[in-house]
Amino acid sequence: MGDIYRNARKALVCMGKDADGGAEDVAGLVHDISEMISKYNSIADMPILAADNPLFDDPRWKALATLMKCPWFTRAWVVQDVSVGNHMYSTNSV
């Protein structure tokens, strides 16, 4: 299966319905953190965030926690296979 995903031009993952509308929150959080990380050459160059940094209290973390409870993440073989793909797309619609 790894070869299939590795050679695929695109992989589409359906994770189920977005009942609470949190998908946009998760996408925004991932984007913001990605932007923050992209400013550094490596993780070793990144500063340690202060305990009072607003990122720690960002309400979008709850949406991420809800997403991580999705049964899709319990299927380790699926996560492993899809993670080798070149282009990942996710949808919350069934």
C-alpha atoms as a PDB file:
ATOM      1  CA  MET A   1       0.000   0.000   0.000  1.00  0.00           C
ATOM      2  CA  GLY A   2       2.894   2.335   0.690  1.00  0.00           C
ATOM      3  CA  ASP A   3       3.932   2.129  -2.968  1.00  0.00           C
ATOM      4  CA  ILE A   4       0.399   2.982  -4.069  1.00  0.00           C
ATOM      5  CA  TYR A   5       0.283   6.147  -1.978  1.00  0.00           C
ATOM      6  CA  ARG A   6       3.878   7.078  -2.758  1.00  0.00           C
ATOM      7  CA  ASN A   7       3.164   6.900  -6.499  1.00  0.00           C
ATOM      8  CA  ALA A   8      -0.235   8.568  -6.325  1.00  0.00           C
ATOM      9  CA  ARG A   9      -0.529  12.108  -7.632  1.00  0.00           C
ATOM     10  CA  LYS A  10      -3.084  12.938  -4.935  1.00  0.00           C
ATOM     11  CA  ALA A  11      -4.648  11.218  -1.948  1.00  0.00           C
ATOM     12  CA  LEU A  12      -8.043  12.257  -0.601  1.00  0.00           C
ATOM     13  CA  VAL A  13      -8.928  11.418   2.983  1.00  0.00           C
ATOM     14  CA  CYS A  14     -12.524  11.471   4.159  1.00  0.00           C
ATOM     15  CA  MET A  15     -12.594  11.771   7.927  1.00  0.00           C
ATOM     16  CA  GLY A  16     -16.357  11.991   8.358  1.00  0.00           C
ATOM     17  CA  LYS A  17     -18.735  14.840   9.018  1.00  0.00           C
ATOM     18  CA  ASP A  18     -17.561  18.060  10.634  1.00  0.00           C
ATOM     19  CA  ALA A  19     -20.400  18.172  13.150  1.00  0.00           C
ATOM     20  CA  ASP A  20     -19.153  21.137  15.162  1.00  0.00           C
ATOM     21  CA  GLY A  21     -17.594  23.192  12.363  1.00  0.00           C
ATOM     22  CA  GLY A  22     -14.085  22.827  13.776  1.00  0.00           C
ATOM     23  CA  ALA A  23     -12.338  21.950  10.515  1.00  0.00           C
ATOM     24  CA  GLU A  24     -11.761  25.595   9.643  1.00  0.00           C
ATOM     25  CA  ASP A  25     -10.391  26.221  13.140  1.00  0.00           C
ATOM     26  CA  VAL A  26      -7.929  23.334  12.814  1.00  0.00           C
ATOM     27  CA  ALA A  27      -6.865  24.472   9.350  1.00  0.00           C
ATOM     28  CA  GLY A  28      -6.295  27.990  10.662  1.00  0.00           C
ATOM     29  CA  LEU A  29      -4.294  26.765  13.654  1.00  0.00           C
ATOM     30  CA  VAL A  30      -2.118  24.529  11.491  1.00  0.00           C
ATOM     31  CA  HIS A  31      -1.553  27.415   9.066  1.00  0.00           C
ATOM     32  CA  ASP A  32      -0.609  29.853  11.819  1.00  0.00           C
ATOM     33  CA  ILE A  33       1.816  27.416  13.455  1.00  0.00           C
ATOM     34  CA  SER A  34       3.303  26.533  10.074  1.00  0.00           C
ATOM     35  CA  GLU A  35       3.871  30.232   9.386  1.00  0.00           C
ATOM     36  CA  MET A  36       5.565  30.630  12.754  1.00  0.00           C
ATOM     37  CA  ILE A  37       7.819  27.597  12.208  1.00  0.00           C
ATOM     38  CA  SER A  38       8.731  28.589   8.639  1.00  0.00           C
ATOM     39  CA  LYS A  39      10.658  31.596   9.945  1.00  0.00           C
ATOM     40  CA  TYR A  40      13.378  29.312  11.331  1.00  0.00           C
ATOM     41  CA  ASN A  41      15.955  27.076   9.661  1.00  0.00           C
ATOM     42  CA  SER A  42      15.393  24.209  12.102  1.00  0.00           C
ATOM     43  CA  ILE A  43      13.447  23.392  15.226  1.00  0.00           C
ATOM     44  CA  ALA A  44      16.641  23.979  17.216  1.00  0.00           C
ATOM     45  CA  ASP A  45      16.558  27.650  16.121  1.00  0.00           C
ATOM     46  CA  MET A  46      13.038  28.193  17.422  1.00  0.00           C
ATOM     47  CA  PRO A  47      12.670  30.046  20.714  1.00  0.00           C
ATOM     48  CA  ILE A  48      10.787  28.498  23.599  1.00  0.00           C
ATOM     49  CA  LEU A  49       7.447  30.237  23.917  1.00  0.00           C
ATOM     50  CA  ALA A  50       6.738  32.076  27.148  1.00  0.00           C
ATOM     51  CA  ALA A  51       4.116  30.502  29.395  1.00  0.00           C
ATOM     52  CA  ASP A  52       1.834  33.484  28.836  1.00  0.00           C
ATOM     53  CA  ASN A  53       2.014  33.265  25.033  1.00  0.00           C
ATOM     54  CA  PRO A  54      -1.528  33.595  23.612  1.00  0.00           C
ATOM     55  CA  LEU A  55      -0.967  30.536  21.425  1.00  0.00           C
ATOM     56  CA  PHE A  56      -1.337  28.315  24.496  1.00  0.00           C
ATOM     57  CA  ASP A  57      -4.824  29.660  25.182  1.00  0.00           C
ATOM     58  CA  ASP A  58      -5.983  29.593  21.567  1.00  0.00           C
ATOM     59  CA  PRO A  59      -9.487  28.061  21.493  1.00  0.00           C
ATOM     60  CA  ARG A  60      -8.659  26.311  18.215  1.00  0.00           C
ATOM     61  CA  TRP A  61      -6.709  23.678  20.181  1.00  0.00           C
ATOM     62  CA  LYS A  62     -10.094  22.269  21.289  1.00  0.00           C
ATOM     63  CA  ALA A  63     -11.061  21.770  17.652  1.00  0.00           C
ATOM     64  CA  LEU A  64      -7.764  19.942  17.057  1.00  0.00           C
ATOM     65  CA  ALA A  65      -8.373  17.740  20.105  1.00  0.00           C
ATOM     66  CA  THR A  66     -11.819  16.874  18.738  1.00  0.00           C
ATOM     67  CA  LEU A  67     -10.351  16.046  15.327  1.00  0.00           C
ATOM     68  CA  MET A  68      -7.711  13.804  16.884  1.00  0.00           C
ATOM     69  CA  LYS A  69     -10.499  11.747  18.485  1.00  0.00           C
ATOM     70  CA  CYS A  70     -11.770  10.864  15.009  1.00  0.00           C
ATOM     71  CA  PRO A  71     -11.677   7.075  14.471  1.00  0.00           C
ATOM     72  CA  TRP A  72      -9.544   7.626  11.366  1.00  0.00           C
ATOM     73  CA  PHE A  73      -6.548   8.375  13.606  1.00  0.00           C
ATOM     74  CA  THR A  74      -6.920   5.035  15.423  1.00  0.00           C
ATOM     75  CA  ARG A  75      -6.194   3.129  12.216  1.00  0.00           C
ATOM     76  CA  ALA A  76      -2.395   3.251  12.355  1.00  0.00           C
ATOM     77  CA  TRP A  77      -1.904   1.525   9.024  1.00  0.00           C
ATOM     78  CA  VAL A  78      -3.984   4.159   7.236  1.00  0.00           C
ATOM     79  CA  VAL A  79      -2.025   7.014   8.799  1.00  0.00           C
ATOM     80  CA  GLN A  80       1.262   5.329   7.893  1.00  0.00           C
ATOM     81  CA  ASP A  81       0.275   4.652   4.291  1.00  0.00           C
ATOM     82  CA  VAL A  82      -1.200   8.082   3.653  1.00  0.00           C
ATOM     83  CA  SER A  83       1.731   9.865   5.295  1.00  0.00           C
ATOM     84  CA  VAL A  84       4.079   8.714   2.514  1.00  0.00           C
ATOM     85  CA  GLY A  85       1.967  10.411  -0.165  1.00  0.00           C
ATOM     86  CA  ASN A  86       3.206  13.468  -2.007  1.00  0.00           C
ATOM     87  CA  HIS A  87       0.034  15.554  -1.857  1.00  0.00           C
ATOM     88  CA  MET A  88      -2.558  15.224   0.870  1.00  0.00           C
ATOM     89  CA  TYR A  89      -6.081  16.553   0.810  1.00  0.00           C
ATOM     90  CA  SER A  90      -8.619  16.114   3.554  1.00  0.00           C
ATOM     91  CA  THR A  91     -12.352  16.483   3.535  1.00  0.00           C
ATOM     92  CA  ASN A  92     -14.892  16.316   6.305  1.00  0.00           C
ATOM     93  CA  SER A  93     -17.860  15.618   4.084  1.00  0.00           C
ATOM     94  CA  VAL A  94     -19.169  12.113   3.668  1.00  0.00           C
END
